[in-house]
């Protein structure tokens, strides 16, 4: 099981930073790991880059960035 699988398998909320590729909106959010890949910008509907804070990743996880 790699870091992606560990994170996505976790049911608890994680804290993340997101940034919209298209309009530049960014912020922080609590999100369930299974929803990370589905996250879109609430302003323009564009793709967002999501980074999970290190302290909230499951131990042993090495991957924290996804582009939704």
Protein backbone atom coordinates (compact mmCIF):
# COMPACT_ATOMS: atom_id res chain seq x y z
CA UNK A 1 0.00 0.00 0.00
CA UNK A 2 1.54 3.33 -1.03
CA UNK A 3 0.94 6.81 0.40
CA UNK A 4 -1.94 7.52 -2.00
CA UNK A 5 -3.79 4.38 -0.92
CA UNK A 6 -3.21 5.10 2.77
CA UNK A 7 -4.50 8.64 2.50
CA UNK A 8 -7.50 7.82 0.31
CA UNK A 9 -8.43 4.90 2.58
CA UNK A 10 -8.57 7.12 5.66
CA UNK A 11 -12.11 8.09 6.59
CA UNK A 12 -11.27 11.08 8.74
CA UNK A 13 -11.07 14.67 7.57
CA UNK A 14 -7.66 16.09 6.68
CA UNK A 15 -6.60 19.72 6.51
CA UNK A 16 -5.36 20.89 3.13
CA UNK A 17 -4.37 23.92 1.11
CA UNK A 18 -5.90 24.35 -2.33
CA UNK A 19 -5.17 26.62 -5.27
CA UNK A 20 -7.22 27.06 -8.43
CA UNK A 21 -5.15 26.67 -11.59
CA UNK A 22 -7.54 28.79 -13.65
CA UNK A 23 -8.56 31.78 -11.51
CA UNK A 24 -5.98 31.74 -8.71
CA UNK A 25 -8.39 31.42 -5.78
CA UNK A 26 -6.80 29.60 -2.87
CA UNK A 27 -7.38 28.74 0.74
CA UNK A 28 -7.48 26.02 3.34
CA UNK A 29 -10.13 23.41 3.87
CA UNK A 30 -11.05 20.28 5.77
CA UNK A 31 -11.80 17.49 3.34
CA UNK A 32 -12.34 13.76 3.35
CA UNK A 33 -9.45 12.10 1.51
CA UNK A 34 -11.80 10.25 -0.86
CA UNK A 35 -13.05 13.64 -2.14
CA UNK A 36 -9.62 15.18 -2.86
CA UNK A 37 -9.53 14.16 -6.51
CA UNK A 38 -13.06 15.52 -7.06
CA UNK A 39 -12.37 18.99 -5.60
CA UNK A 40 -13.03 21.90 -7.96
CA UNK A 41 -12.92 25.65 -7.48
CA UNK A 42 -16.11 26.99 -5.96
CA UNK A 43 -15.67 30.30 -7.80
CA UNK A 44 -15.05 29.17 -11.39
CA UNK A 45 -15.39 25.36 -11.37
CA UNK A 46 -11.78 24.98 -12.54
CA UNK A 47 -9.19 22.41 -11.53
CA UNK A 48 -7.49 22.85 -8.17
CA UNK A 49 -4.19 21.64 -6.80
CA UNK A 50 -4.65 20.17 -3.31
CA UNK A 51 -1.84 19.68 -0.80
CA UNK A 52 -2.49 17.83 2.46
CA UNK A 53 -0.60 19.16 5.47
CA UNK A 54 2.14 16.77 6.60
CA UNK A 55 0.79 16.47 10.13
CA UNK A 56 -2.54 15.12 8.84
CA UNK A 57 -1.22 12.44 6.50
CA UNK A 58 -1.22 8.82 7.67
CA UNK A 59 2.16 7.69 8.97
CA UNK A 60 4.30 6.28 6.19
CA UNK A 61 2.53 8.34 3.51
CA UNK A 62 4.96 10.03 1.13
CA UNK A 63 2.64 11.56 -1.46
CA UNK A 64 0.63 14.63 -0.62
CA UNK A 65 -0.09 16.54 -3.82
CA UNK A 66 -2.88 15.91 -6.32
CA UNK A 67 -4.32 17.88 -9.16
CA UNK A 68 -8.07 17.32 -9.13
